[in-house]
Amino acid sequence: MSEASSLSGTSGRFGAKQALIAVVIVSLALVLGAYLVGRKSFVIRGDGNDTIQVTGSATKSIKSDYGTWHGSVGVRGDTRPLAYTDLKRSIADVMKYLKDEKHVPETAIKVGAIATTAIPEKDANGRDTGKTIAYDMWQDFDVSLPDVQKVTELAQTASDLLTRGITIKSDAPQYLYTKLADLRVEMLAEAAKDARIRADTITKNAGSRVGGVRAVKTGVFQITRPNSTDVKDGGSYDTSTIDKDITAVISMTFGVEP
């Protein structure tokens, strides 16, 4: 092969490679440009029809209308019968305290089953000797009331029972909202209205207008502490505060008309 022919072949291959690179770069630029435009305008093209997908949300402040307080009463006795007798007496004292002094209706109190733990004897090396030296017994109780302030008071004053010789464990109260089913409908309607406003604003600035609804997808509800940013994919329900925020989210797809 002559030197001229060799140079000509090399030049052709080099030119073809440059052309291929140029095509790839231009194609990527076009794809990226289309993606960025699509992201900014939320417009999705498919089957010759333009649509716009937007997310709407609505938040409302609510106040819990139901509260629960959980506690446990415990005793330790040398034998199982002695422990049981002491526990019965302590539970009776707690019930009397709740009903007579705190004016809690008997129907609002539920007493659970008794849990018993045998305390083993240990030798000097910390190993069980096979003997039982005492028995711990615990019994749970729950108070549930629509008066959330009363529930708060019960939890805060539970330590009063300690001064009476009663061993008690007190959990933090939990606060619930019982009208969520009704509120969900209202909140989704507000979120849908917000989605429509967003779609109108975007399409108007683009010189178009919103058409009919093509698709709707409701999101999970978030019930959080006031002004909280704690959002979870599966939804959340905070029970630690009386005052709460409930947020509804909805995704809507609309047609876009010229």
Protein backbone atom coordinates (compact mmCIF):
# COMPACT_ATOMS: atom_id res chain seq x y z
CA MET A 1 0.00 0.00 0.00
CA SER A 2 1.35 3.45 -0.91
CA GLU A 3 2.06 6.13 1.71
CA ALA A 4 -0.69 8.33 0.22
CA SER A 5 -3.26 5.55 0.49
CA SER A 6 -2.28 4.88 4.13
CA LEU A 7 -2.64 8.53 5.08
CA SER A 8 -5.98 8.75 3.27
CA GLY A 9 -7.38 5.72 5.21
CA THR A 10 -6.18 7.09 8.54
CA SER A 11 -7.72 10.46 7.82
CA GLY A 12 -11.05 8.83 6.90
CA ARG A 13 -11.15 6.81 10.10
CA PHE A 14 -10.23 9.87 12.18
CA GLY A 15 -12.95 11.94 10.52
CA ALA A 16 -15.59 9.27 11.06
CA LYS A 17 -14.65 8.99 14.74
CA GLN A 18 -14.94 12.77 15.19
CA ALA A 19 -18.32 12.77 13.49
CA LEU A 20 -19.57 9.97 15.76
CA ILE A 21 -18.42 11.83 18.88
CA ALA A 22 -20.12 15.00 17.67
CA VAL A 23 -23.39 13.16 17.09
CA VAL A 24 -23.27 11.62 20.57
CA ILE A 25 -22.58 15.00 22.21
CA VAL A 26 -25.41 16.73 20.33
CA SER A 27 -27.82 13.88 21.16
CA LEU A 28 -26.96 14.01 24.87
CA ALA A 29 -27.37 17.78 24.87
CA LEU A 30 -30.82 17.47 23.31
CA VAL A 31 -31.91 14.79 25.77
CA LEU A 32 -30.61 16.75 28.76
CA GLY A 33 -32.25 19.94 27.52
CA ALA A 34 -35.59 18.20 27.09
CA TYR A 35 -35.30 16.67 30.56
CA LEU A 36 -34.57 20.04 32.20
CA VAL A 37 -37.46 21.71 30.41
CA GLY A 38 -39.76 18.89 31.42
CA ARG A 39 -38.65 19.12 35.04
CA LYS A 40 -39.20 22.85 35.17
CA SER A 41 -42.63 22.92 33.57
CA PHE A 42 -43.94 19.58 34.90
CA VAL A 43 -45.32 18.88 31.40
CA ILE A 44 -45.35 15.27 30.27
CA ARG A 45 -45.86 14.37 26.63
CA GLY A 46 -47.42 11.12 25.63
CA ASP A 47 -49.57 9.88 22.72
CA GLY A 48 -49.67 13.38 21.24
CA ASN A 49 -51.43 14.83 24.29
CA ASP A 50 -49.89 17.27 26.73
CA THR A 51 -50.47 16.74 30.44
CA ILE A 52 -49.25 18.39 33.59
CA GLN A 53 -48.67 16.55 36.85
CA VAL A 54 -48.66 18.56 40.07
CA THR A 55 -48.70 17.86 43.79
CA GLY A 56 -51.12 19.66 46.07
CA SER A 57 -51.12 19.72 49.86
CA ALA A 58 -53.22 21.00 52.73
CA THR A 59 -52.38 21.38 56.42
CA LYS A 60 -54.79 21.91 59.30
CA SER A 61 -54.25 22.34 63.03
CA ILE A 62 -56.27 19.97 65.21
CA LYS A 63 -56.68 19.33 68.93
CA SER A 64 -56.79 15.81 70.34
CA ASP A 65 -60.18 14.80 71.71
CA TYR A 66 -59.22 11.55 73.44
CA GLY A 67 -56.41 10.55 75.76
CA THR A 68 -55.05 7.37 77.29
CA TRP A 69 -52.70 6.82 80.21
CA HIS A 70 -50.99 3.51 80.93
CA GLY A 71 -49.52 2.51 84.26
CA SER A 72 -48.29 -0.59 86.10
CA VAL A 73 -48.41 -1.51 89.78
CA GLY A 74 -45.78 -3.84 91.19
CA VAL A 75 -44.94 -5.74 94.37
CA ARG A 76 -42.35 -8.23 95.60
CA GLY A 77 -43.19 -11.04 98.01
CA ASP A 78 -41.29 -13.92 99.61
CA THR A 79 -43.86 -16.35 98.25
CA ARG A 80 -46.28 -16.26 95.35
CA PRO A 81 -49.39 -16.05 97.61
CA LEU A 82 -47.90 -13.18 99.63
CA ALA A 83 -47.00 -11.28 96.47
CA TYR A 84 -50.50 -11.79 95.08
CA THR A 85 -52.12 -10.54 98.29
CA ASP A 86 -49.96 -7.40 98.31
CA LEU A 87 -50.66 -6.75 94.63
CA LYS A 88 -54.42 -7.05 95.16
CA ARG A 89 -54.21 -4.52 97.96
CA SER A 90 -52.09 -2.08 95.88
CA ILE A 91 -54.37 -2.31 92.85
CA ALA A 92 -57.41 -1.68 95.06
CA ASP A 93 -55.69 1.42 96.49
CA VAL A 94 -54.94 2.71 93.01
CA MET A 95 -58.52 2.18 91.85
CA LYS A 96 -59.84 3.98 94.93
CA TYR A 97 -57.41 6.84 94.31
CA LEU A 98 -58.52 7.18 90.69
CA LYS A 99 -62.25 6.97 91.36
CA ASP A 100 -62.59 8.82 94.69
CA GLU A 101 -59.83 11.42 94.51
CA LYS A 102 -59.43 11.95 90.76
CA HIS A 103 -63.10 11.33 89.91
CA VAL A 104 -62.35 8.95 87.05
CA PRO A 105 -65.40 6.90 86.01
CA GLU A 106 -65.00 3.19 86.63
CA THR A 107 -65.91 2.53 83.00
CA ALA A 108 -62.81 4.50 81.92
CA ILE A 109 -60.45 2.16 83.81
CA LYS A 110 -59.28 -1.19 82.49
CA VAL A 111 -57.09 -3.54 84.53
CA GLY A 112 -54.89 -6.03 82.73
CA ALA A 113 -53.53 -9.48 83.53
CA ILE A 114 -50.91 -10.17 86.20
CA ALA A 115 -47.32 -10.87 85.18
CA THR A 116 -45.14 -12.87 87.60
CA THR A 117 -41.36 -13.20 87.67
CA ALA A 118 -39.51 -15.58 90.00
CA ILE A 119 -36.33 -14.10 91.51
CA PRO A 120 -33.61 -16.81 91.67
CA GLU A 121 -31.08 -17.15 94.45
CA LYS A 122 -27.45 -16.56 93.40
CA ASP A 123 -24.28 -18.00 94.87
CA ALA A 124 -21.06 -16.07 95.52
CA ASN A 125 -20.09 -16.45 91.85
CA GLY A 126 -23.40 -15.10 90.58
CA ARG A 127 -24.75 -18.48 89.47
CA ASP A 128 -28.30 -19.67 90.13
CA THR A 129 -28.61 -22.09 93.00
CA GLY A 130 -31.93 -23.46 91.77
CA LYS A 131 -33.86 -21.82 94.58
CA THR A 132 -36.38 -18.97 94.37
CA ILE A 133 -36.04 -16.23 96.98
CA ALA A 134 -38.91 -13.95 95.95
CA TYR A 135 -41.60 -13.21 93.39
CA ASP A 136 -42.21 -9.96 91.49
CA MET A 137 -45.77 -9.32 90.34
CA TRP A 138 -46.97 -6.52 88.07
CA GLN A 139 -50.43 -5.58 86.89
CA ASP A 140 -51.15 -3.06 84.14
CA PHE A 141 -54.01 -0.60 84.04
CA ASP A 142 -55.24 1.91 81.45
CA VAL A 143 -57.31 5.05 81.80
CA SER A 144 -59.05 6.35 78.64
CA LEU A 145 -60.99 9.62 78.64
CA PRO A 146 -62.23 12.26 76.20
CA ASP A 147 -60.96 14.82 78.73
CA VAL A 148 -57.35 15.13 77.58
CA GLN A 149 -56.46 17.61 80.32
CA LYS A 150 -57.60 15.10 82.94
CA VAL A 151 -55.40 12.43 81.35
CA THR A 152 -52.45 14.82 81.49
CA GLU A 153 -53.13 15.52 85.17
CA LEU A 154 -53.30 11.81 86.02
CA ALA A 155 -49.91 11.14 84.43
CA GLN A 156 -48.30 14.14 86.10
CA THR A 157 -49.57 13.31 89.61
CA ALA A 158 -48.94 9.54 89.49
CA SER A 159 -45.94 10.03 91.77
CA ASP A 160 -48.41 10.82 94.59
CA LEU A 161 -48.98 7.08 94.85
CA LEU A 162 -45.31 6.50 95.66
CA THR A 163 -45.72 8.45 98.90
CA ARG A 164 -48.42 5.95 99.86
CA GLY A 165 -46.08 2.99 99.54
CA ILE A 166 -47.32 1.91 96.11
CA THR A 167 -44.74 0.96 93.49
CA ILE A 168 -45.99 2.32 90.15
CA LYS A 169 -44.60 2.78 86.66
CA SER A 170 -46.25 5.56 84.69
CA ASP A 171 -46.03 5.93 80.90
CA ALA A 172 -46.37 9.22 79.06
CA PRO A 173 -49.99 9.87 78.05
CA GLN A 174 -51.08 9.39 74.46
CA TYR A 175 -53.38 11.82 72.68
CA LEU A 176 -55.63 10.84 69.78
CA TYR A 177 -58.06 12.50 67.39
CA THR A 178 -61.20 10.45 66.82
CA LYS A 179 -62.70 12.32 63.85
CA LEU A 180 -59.96 11.54 61.34
CA ALA A 181 -62.31 9.73 58.94
CA ASP A 182 -64.39 12.87 58.43
CA LEU A 183 -61.36 15.13 58.28
CA ARG A 184 -59.63 13.06 55.58
CA VAL A 185 -62.34 13.89 53.04
CA GLU A 186 -62.10 17.60 53.83
CA MET A 187 -58.30 17.59 53.69
CA LEU A 188 -58.13 15.78 50.35
CA ALA A 189 -60.57 18.30 48.88
CA GLU A 190 -58.33 21.15 50.04
CA ALA A 191 -55.22 19.43 48.70
CA ALA A 192 -56.94 18.89 45.32
CA LYS A 193 -57.86 22.58 45.22
CA ASP A 194 -54.22 23.47 45.89
CA ALA A 195 -53.08 21.15 43.08
CA ARG A 196 -55.49 22.85 40.65
CA ILE A 197 -54.21 26.29 41.60
CA ARG A 198 -50.63 25.17 41.00
CA ALA A 199 -51.53 23.69 37.62
CA ASP A 200 -53.40 26.87 36.60
CA THR A 201 -50.43 29.04 37.56
CA ILE A 202 -47.90 26.97 35.63
CA THR A 203 -49.95 26.58 32.45
CA LYS A 204 -51.02 30.23 32.42
CA ASN A 205 -47.39 31.36 32.51
CA ALA A 206 -46.68 28.95 29.66
CA GLY A 207 -49.48 30.38 27.53
CA SER A 208 -51.79 27.38 27.91
CA ARG A 209 -54.70 26.40 30.11
CA VAL A 210 -55.62 23.41 32.25
CA GLY A 211 -57.96 20.78 30.84
CA GLY A 212 -59.71 17.87 32.50
CA VAL A 213 -58.35 15.58 35.20
CA ARG A 214 -56.49 12.59 33.76
CA ALA A 215 -55.30 10.85 36.95
CA VAL A 216 -55.41 11.25 40.72
CA LYS A 217 -53.19 9.63 43.34
CA THR A 218 -53.66 10.32 47.04
CA GLY A 219 -50.65 10.26 49.33
CA VAL A 220 -50.34 9.27 52.98
CA PHE A 221 -51.47 11.50 55.81
CA GLN A 222 -48.96 13.00 58.20
CA ILE A 223 -50.18 13.75 61.73
CA THR A 224 -47.34 15.47 63.51
CA ARG A 225 -46.45 17.82 66.34
CA PRO A 226 -47.18 21.45 65.43
CA ASN A 227 -44.69 22.84 62.90
CA SER A 228 -42.85 19.51 62.74
CA THR A 229 -40.80 18.54 59.68
CA ASP A 230 -40.86 14.84 60.59
CA VAL A 231 -42.35 13.28 57.44
CA LYS A 232 -42.36 9.54 56.78
CA ASP A 233 -42.99 7.66 53.54
CA GLY A 234 -45.60 5.44 55.15
CA GLY A 235 -47.31 8.29 56.98
CA SER A 236 -47.02 9.26 60.64
CA TYR A 237 -49.26 9.63 63.68
CA ASP A 238 -47.70 11.48 66.59
CA THR A 239 -49.53 10.83 69.87
CA SER A 240 -47.26 12.79 72.19
CA THR A 241 -49.02 16.17 72.01
CA ILE A 242 -52.58 17.42 72.39
CA ASP A 243 -52.17 19.91 69.55
CA LYS A 244 -51.25 18.44 66.18
CA ASP A 245 -50.91 19.28 62.50
CA ILE A 246 -52.50 17.04 59.89
CA THR A 247 -51.21 17.24 56.31
CA ALA A 248 -52.76 15.65 53.23
CA VAL A 249 -50.95 15.28 49.90
CA ILE A 250 -52.44 14.50 46.51
CA SER A 251 -50.88 14.07 43.05
CA MET A 252 -53.05 15.09 40.09
CA THR A 253 -52.52 14.91 36.35
CA PHE A 254 -54.43 17.37 34.15
CA GLY A 255 -54.73 17.73 30.41
CA VAL A 256 -53.17 20.86 28.90
CA GLU A 257 -55.01 22.81 26.22
CA PRO A 258 -53.66 25.57 23.93
